[in-house]
Amino acid sequence: MICPFPGMDPYLERPAIFPDFHDALIYNLRVALQPLLRPKYVAMSQDRLYVVDAERARFPDVSVIRSPRPSGPLKNVGVIEADVPAVFDIWQEEVRQPYLTIVEPAADNRVVTAMEVLSPSNKQSGPGRDSYLEKREELWNSGVNLVEIDLLRAGLPTVRLSDKKRSQLGVWTYLVAVTRCQPPRLEVYPAPLRERLPRIAVPLGSEDQDVVLDMQTIFTRCWAEGPYPEILLYGNPPPGMLTPDDAKWCQDRLQQAHKTPD
């Protein structure tokens, strides 16, 4: 079976599936980059770590609190029982988010470009988003180019554009944002739901020519090699919000794919 959609498959945005797709896309991006970067650069997968507080409820038996032994005889003093509390074990959970870096081995593994595939936690208020935005500022201040690949409709935008400037992109569902350090500028590739994913220019060192990645070719390989045909539940509506026209378009694509032999 081939992917029934010409671009991003919106069914991949299901929370139970997207983490697997996220990691698979990182891997396939690295595979596609390596032959384009040699011999001067290499692509490496790294992890950004952040810590969140987690808690688990545990309901104990009744605890009895005794008063201290009195220094002298007391009369009519009873033992007080505490109300039954809900007891919580609290621990810190370390969350790992993989991303790609393009490094120059001959220059002590200098990082020239970072590539991020945004995850749901990057687009929701909380420690995941805070960690991501903090790391993004560190990269910018260090003179590192950044490629942000956003294949999620839900959540808060991360692209460095005001609402007014985002409206100038026209109709789009997904996007890739490339932040260059030299010269400093932002390049945005909007990707409507009904169109193929873009070919993007990935910056390297200021003295070297960009490399071009065909995001649709990489996505198609990732989709075909994964477990997605078996687990995407195409009989159900796609996750998240779609306009009625887009929802109907999705159903039409699936019906056509069902009629077409593999």
Protein backbone atom coordinates (compact mmCIF):
# COMPACT_ATOMS: atom_id res chain seq x y z
CA MET A 1 0.00 0.00 0.00
CA ILE A 2 1.18 3.50 -0.78
CA CYS A 3 0.29 6.58 1.28
CA PRO A 4 -3.16 7.77 0.14
CA PHE A 5 -2.25 11.44 0.62
CA PRO A 6 -0.03 13.56 -1.63
CA GLY A 7 1.71 15.24 1.33
CA MET A 8 1.56 14.75 5.07
CA ASP A 9 -0.78 12.00 6.27
CA PRO A 10 -3.05 13.67 8.88
CA TYR A 11 -3.80 10.31 10.49
CA LEU A 12 -0.18 10.21 11.70
CA GLU A 13 -1.03 13.01 14.13
CA ARG A 14 -2.78 10.57 16.45
CA PRO A 15 -1.08 10.89 19.88
CA ALA A 16 -0.45 7.14 20.07
CA ILE A 17 1.32 7.09 16.69
CA PHE A 18 3.11 10.41 16.27
CA PRO A 19 6.04 9.65 18.65
CA ASP A 20 7.00 6.63 16.53
CA PHE A 21 6.68 8.68 13.34
CA HIS A 22 8.69 11.53 14.90
CA ASP A 23 11.67 9.28 15.65
CA ALA A 24 11.42 7.50 12.28
CA LEU A 25 11.43 10.83 10.45
CA ILE A 26 14.54 11.95 12.37
CA TYR A 27 16.28 8.75 11.30
CA ASN A 28 15.28 9.12 7.64
CA LEU A 29 16.34 12.76 7.58
CA ARG A 30 19.79 11.72 8.77
CA VAL A 31 20.00 8.98 6.13
CA ALA A 32 19.04 11.47 3.40
CA LEU A 33 21.49 14.11 4.63
CA GLN A 34 24.66 12.04 4.98
CA PRO A 35 25.56 11.66 1.28
CA LEU A 36 24.80 15.35 0.67
CA LEU A 37 27.08 16.51 3.48
CA ARG A 38 30.22 14.44 2.96
CA PRO A 39 33.11 14.94 3.18
CA LYS A 40 33.08 18.20 5.13
CA TYR A 41 30.02 17.71 7.35
CA VAL A 42 28.12 14.89 9.05
CA ALA A 43 24.60 14.61 10.49
CA MET A 44 24.29 13.37 14.06
CA SER A 45 21.27 12.51 16.17
CA GLN A 46 21.26 14.03 19.65
CA ASP A 47 18.84 14.29 22.56
CA ARG A 48 17.52 17.36 24.29
CA LEU A 49 16.66 16.52 27.90
CA TYR A 50 14.26 18.17 30.28
CA VAL A 51 12.79 17.12 33.60
CA VAL A 52 9.14 17.16 34.63
CA ASP A 53 7.60 16.49 38.01
CA ALA A 54 5.27 13.51 37.99
CA GLU A 55 3.04 12.14 40.68
CA ARG A 56 1.20 8.93 41.44
CA ALA A 57 -1.65 8.62 43.91
CA ARG A 58 -1.55 5.94 46.59
CA PHE A 59 -4.32 5.51 49.16
CA PRO A 60 -3.01 4.02 52.43
CA ASP A 61 -4.67 2.38 55.40
CA VAL A 62 -5.82 4.55 58.30
CA SER A 63 -2.92 6.07 60.27
CA VAL A 64 -3.27 6.78 63.97
CA ILE A 65 -1.39 9.73 65.48
CA ARG A 66 -0.62 9.27 69.19
CA SER A 67 -0.06 12.13 71.54
CA PRO A 68 3.36 12.08 73.33
CA ARG A 69 3.54 10.30 76.65
CA PRO A 70 2.47 12.88 79.25
CA SER A 71 4.83 13.89 82.06
CA GLY A 72 2.14 13.38 84.65
CA PRO A 73 -1.18 11.59 84.99
CA LEU A 74 -3.92 13.09 82.83
CA LYS A 75 -7.53 12.12 82.93
CA ASN A 76 -10.08 11.97 80.11
CA VAL A 77 -7.47 12.53 77.37
CA GLY A 78 -8.26 10.49 74.25
CA VAL A 79 -6.14 9.44 71.33
CA ILE A 80 -6.74 11.52 68.19
CA GLU A 81 -6.93 9.87 64.82
CA ALA A 82 -5.90 11.82 61.75
CA ASP A 83 -8.13 11.98 58.72
CA VAL A 84 -7.13 9.59 55.98
CA PRO A 85 -4.88 11.42 53.48
CA ALA A 86 -4.20 10.64 49.87
CA VAL A 87 -0.47 10.00 49.71
CA PHE A 88 1.47 10.80 46.57
CA ASP A 89 4.85 9.50 45.56
CA ILE A 90 6.55 12.34 43.69
CA TRP A 91 9.51 11.86 41.43
CA GLN A 92 11.16 13.60 38.54
CA GLU A 93 10.87 12.11 35.08
CA GLU A 94 13.53 12.77 32.46
CA VAL A 95 12.08 13.33 28.97
CA ARG A 96 14.27 12.84 25.90
CA GLN A 97 13.56 14.56 22.59
CA PRO A 98 15.77 13.58 19.64
CA TYR A 99 16.89 16.12 17.05
CA LEU A 100 19.56 16.36 14.36
CA THR A 101 22.70 18.44 14.21
CA ILE A 102 24.98 19.03 11.25
CA VAL A 103 28.54 19.26 12.51
CA GLU A 104 31.96 19.95 11.00
CA PRO A 105 34.39 17.30 12.33
CA ALA A 106 37.50 19.17 11.19
CA ALA A 107 36.47 22.15 13.34
CA ASP A 108 36.15 20.23 16.63
CA ASN A 109 32.65 19.05 15.73
CA ARG A 110 31.36 22.60 15.42
CA VAL A 111 27.57 22.59 15.09
CA VAL A 112 26.50 24.62 12.05
CA THR A 113 22.83 23.64 11.77
CA ALA A 114 20.25 22.00 14.02
CA MET A 115 17.10 20.30 12.71
CA GLU A 116 14.01 19.83 14.84
CA VAL A 117 10.87 17.82 14.13
CA LEU A 118 8.37 19.43 16.47
CA SER A 119 6.57 17.18 18.92
CA PRO A 120 3.23 17.84 20.66
CA SER A 121 5.04 18.90 23.86
CA ASN A 122 6.90 21.62 21.90
CA LYS A 123 3.56 23.17 20.92
CA GLN A 124 1.78 22.98 24.28
CA SER A 125 2.35 25.20 27.31
CA GLY A 126 4.61 23.45 29.78
CA PRO A 127 8.18 22.29 30.38
CA GLY A 128 8.54 20.69 26.94
CA ARG A 129 7.79 23.95 25.15
CA ASP A 130 9.86 26.00 27.61
CA SER A 131 12.85 23.70 27.10
CA TYR A 132 12.50 23.86 23.33
CA LEU A 133 12.24 27.66 23.14
CA GLU A 134 15.17 28.05 25.52
CA LYS A 135 17.31 25.73 23.41
CA ARG A 136 16.28 27.61 20.27
CA GLU A 137 17.51 30.88 21.75
CA GLU A 138 20.79 29.24 22.73
CA LEU A 139 21.29 28.04 19.16
CA TRP A 140 20.56 31.50 17.76
CA ASN A 141 22.95 33.18 20.19
CA SER A 142 25.62 30.63 19.28
CA GLY A 143 25.35 31.36 15.55
CA VAL A 144 23.73 28.01 14.68
CA ASN A 145 21.22 27.75 11.83
CA LEU A 146 17.92 26.07 12.68
CA VAL A 147 15.44 24.04 10.62
CA GLU A 148 12.05 23.53 12.31
CA ILE A 149 9.71 20.96 10.77
CA ASP A 150 6.14 21.33 12.01
CA LEU A 151 3.85 18.50 10.90
CA LEU A 152 1.25 19.03 13.62
CA ARG A 153 -1.94 21.02 13.18
CA ALA A 154 -2.74 21.23 16.89
CA GLY A 155 -0.99 23.40 19.45
CA LEU A 156 0.65 26.81 19.69
CA PRO A 157 2.77 28.03 16.76
CA THR A 158 6.52 28.18 17.22
CA VAL A 159 7.54 29.97 14.03
CA ARG A 160 9.06 33.42 14.67
CA LEU A 161 6.29 35.32 12.88
CA SER A 162 3.52 37.59 14.09
CA ASP A 163 -0.08 36.66 13.34
CA LYS A 164 -0.11 39.31 10.60
CA LYS A 165 2.97 37.89 8.89
CA ARG A 166 1.70 34.31 9.22
CA SER A 167 -1.45 35.38 7.40
CA GLN A 168 0.74 36.38 4.44
CA LEU A 169 1.71 32.75 3.91
CA GLY A 170 -1.69 32.00 2.39
CA VAL A 171 -3.46 28.72 3.04
CA TRP A 172 -1.22 26.24 4.86
CA THR A 173 -1.52 23.34 7.26
CA TYR A 174 2.07 22.38 7.97
CA LEU A 175 5.30 24.30 7.54
CA VAL A 176 9.07 24.21 7.64
CA ALA A 177 10.90 27.26 9.02
CA VAL A 178 14.60 27.81 8.31
CA THR A 179 16.35 30.39 10.49
CA ARG A 180 19.67 31.51 9.03
CA CYS A 181 22.35 33.26 11.02
CA GLN A 182 24.38 34.65 8.07
CA PRO A 183 22.70 36.71 6.81
CA PRO A 184 20.06 36.71 9.58
CA ARG A 185 16.71 35.87 8.04
CA LEU A 186 13.77 33.50 8.26
CA GLU A 187 12.66 31.36 5.33
CA VAL A 188 9.25 29.68 5.65
CA TYR A 189 7.95 26.86 3.48
CA PRO A 190 4.16 26.56 3.93
CA ALA A 191 2.65 23.15 3.18
CA PRO A 192 -1.11 22.91 2.53
CA LEU A 193 -2.79 19.63 3.46
CA ARG A 194 -3.63 18.81 -0.17
CA GLU A 195 -0.14 19.37 -1.59
CA ARG A 196 3.20 17.61 -1.42
CA LEU A 197 5.69 18.56 1.28
CA PRO A 198 8.27 21.10 0.11
CA ARG A 199 11.84 20.83 -1.04
CA ILE A 200 13.83 22.84 1.47
CA ALA A 201 17.25 24.49 1.41
CA VAL A 202 19.29 23.48 4.46
CA PRO A 203 22.04 26.01 5.32
CA LEU A 204 25.55 24.95 6.25
CA GLY A 205 28.58 27.10 7.03
CA SER A 206 28.48 30.61 5.60
CA GLU A 207 31.12 29.71 3.02
CA ASP A 208 29.30 26.60 1.72
CA GLN A 209 26.33 26.08 -0.55
CA ASP A 210 23.01 24.88 0.85
CA VAL A 211 21.93 21.27 0.49
CA VAL A 212 18.39 20.57 -0.68
CA LEU A 213 16.12 18.05 1.01
CA ASP A 214 12.98 16.77 -0.66
CA MET A 215 10.73 16.43 2.37
CA GLN A 216 8.07 14.52 0.44
CA THR A 217 10.51 11.84 -0.71
CA ILE A 218 11.81 11.43 2.84
CA PHE A 219 8.28 11.32 4.24
CA THR A 220 7.18 8.72 1.68
CA ARG A 221 10.11 6.45 2.56
CA CYS A 222 9.39 6.87 6.27
CA TRP A 223 5.69 6.06 5.78
CA ALA A 224 6.32 3.03 3.56
CA GLU A 225 8.92 1.46 5.85
CA GLY A 226 6.89 1.95 9.03
CA PRO A 227 3.91 0.11 10.52
CA TYR A 228 1.49 2.84 9.50
CA PRO A 229 -0.65 1.07 6.86
CA GLU A 230 -1.66 -1.45 9.53
CA ILE A 231 -2.30 0.89 12.46
CA LEU A 232 -3.64 4.20 11.12
CA LEU A 233 -7.34 3.25 11.41
CA TYR A 234 -8.40 4.90 8.18
CA GLY A 235 -11.99 3.84 8.84
CA ASN A 236 -12.24 6.57 11.50
CA PRO A 237 -12.16 10.35 10.99
CA PRO A 238 -8.66 11.87 11.10
CA PRO A 239 -7.58 13.24 14.49
CA GLY A 240 -7.88 16.91 15.32
CA MET A 241 -9.88 19.65 13.67
CA LEU A 242 -10.39 19.87 9.91
CA THR A 243 -12.70 22.04 7.87
CA PRO A 244 -15.68 20.15 6.41
CA ASP A 245 -14.13 20.49 2.95
CA ASP A 246 -10.79 19.07 4.11
CA ALA A 247 -12.50 16.23 5.98
CA LYS A 248 -14.45 15.32 2.84
CA TRP A 249 -11.27 15.54 0.78
CA CYS A 250 -9.58 13.09 3.15
CA GLN A 251 -12.44 10.63 2.80
CA ASP A 252 -12.39 10.96 -0.99
CA ARG A 253 -8.64 10.24 -1.04
CA LEU A 254 -9.10 7.16 1.12
CA GLN A 255 -11.96 5.85 -1.02
CA GLN A 256 -9.90 6.33 -4.15
CA ALA A 257 -6.91 4.58 -2.58
CA HIS A 258 -9.13 1.67 -1.60
CA LYS A 259 -10.28 1.27 -5.20
CA THR A 260 -6.76 1.47 -6.60
CA PRO A 261 -4.67 -1.76 -6.56
CA ASP A 262 -1.39 -1.54 -4.62
